[in-house]
Amino acid sequence: MVVFYWVMGVLVVGTLLPSLFYLVLYAATGEEVAARRARTLFNFTRVFALGGFNILIWGHVIVGLWRLWFD
């Protein structure tokens, strides 16, 4: 699970920080391209965060059921 936490953390932070950078760049310049990139990267951040949370929950459910049946 530690590897999973690290991978998801790197994916979330790795897309959130550039999203924030482009958001600040859009606020400073008003360029529409920067806003579109910020929006796209933030959407990827949401997908990674929600997907990781979903995998985490269902992983615990599967492990719990496994222990109920086979331990």
Protein backbone atom coordinates (compact mmCIF):
# COMPACT_ATOMS: atom_id res chain seq x y z
CA MET A 1 0.00 0.00 0.00
CA VAL A 2 2.91 2.35 0.60
CA VAL A 3 3.84 2.20 -3.08
CA PHE A 4 0.22 2.92 -4.01
CA TYR A 5 0.13 5.95 -1.69
CA TRP A 6 3.35 7.29 -3.17
CA VAL A 7 2.26 6.76 -6.77
CA MET A 8 -1.11 8.43 -6.20
CA GLY A 9 0.52 11.26 -4.26
CA VAL A 10 3.01 11.90 -7.06
CA LEU A 11 0.24 11.80 -9.68
CA VAL A 12 -2.03 14.17 -7.74
CA VAL A 13 0.70 16.64 -6.80
CA GLY A 14 2.32 16.29 -10.22
CA THR A 15 -0.86 17.51 -11.90
CA LEU A 16 -2.02 19.95 -9.21
CA LEU A 17 1.14 22.07 -9.13
CA PRO A 18 1.24 22.72 -12.90
CA SER A 19 -2.49 23.44 -12.76
CA LEU A 20 -1.90 26.08 -10.11
CA PHE A 21 1.01 27.49 -12.13
CA TYR A 22 -1.16 27.89 -15.22
CA LEU A 23 -3.96 29.37 -13.12
CA VAL A 24 -1.59 32.03 -11.80
CA LEU A 25 -0.26 32.56 -15.31
CA TYR A 26 -3.82 33.05 -16.57
CA ALA A 27 -4.56 35.50 -13.76
CA ALA A 28 -1.42 37.48 -14.64
CA THR A 29 -1.74 37.48 -18.43
CA GLY A 30 -5.35 36.68 -19.27
CA GLU A 31 -4.31 34.16 -21.93
CA GLU A 32 -7.09 31.68 -22.66
CA VAL A 33 -4.60 28.89 -23.41
CA ALA A 34 -3.29 29.04 -19.84
CA ALA A 35 -6.84 28.81 -18.47
CA ARG A 36 -7.58 25.79 -20.66
CA ARG A 37 -4.39 24.04 -19.53
CA ALA A 38 -5.13 24.81 -15.88
CA ARG A 39 -8.66 23.42 -16.26
CA THR A 40 -7.43 20.28 -18.04
CA LEU A 41 -4.70 19.59 -15.49
CA PHE A 42 -7.11 20.17 -12.62
CA ASN A 43 -9.53 17.68 -14.19
CA PHE A 44 -6.71 15.13 -14.32
CA THR A 45 -5.96 15.90 -10.67
CA ARG A 46 -9.58 15.20 -9.75
CA VAL A 47 -9.59 11.95 -11.73
CA PHE A 48 -6.40 10.73 -10.03
CA ALA A 49 -7.57 11.75 -6.54
CA LEU A 50 -11.05 10.25 -6.86
CA GLY A 51 -9.75 7.14 -8.61
CA GLY A 52 -7.13 6.61 -5.91
CA PHE A 53 -9.72 7.07 -3.19
CA ASN A 54 -12.03 4.59 -4.92
CA ILE A 55 -9.27 2.01 -5.32
CA LEU A 56 -8.30 2.53 -1.67
CA ILE A 57 -11.85 1.94 -0.41
CA TRP A 58 -12.51 -1.11 -2.59
CA GLY A 59 -9.09 -2.53 -1.81
CA HIS A 60 -9.93 -2.46 1.89
CA VAL A 61 -13.32 -4.05 1.18
CA ILE A 62 -11.71 -6.88 -0.80
CA VAL A 63 -9.04 -7.47 1.86
CA GLY A 64 -11.73 -7.50 4.56
CA LEU A 65 -13.85 -10.01 2.67
CA TRP A 66 -10.78 -12.15 1.99
CA ARG A 67 -9.97 -12.23 5.70
CA LEU A 68 -13.56 -13.07 6.60
CA TRP A 69 -13.67 -16.01 4.19
CA PHE A 70 -10.15 -17.43 4.36
CA ASP A 71 -8.71 -16.56 7.78
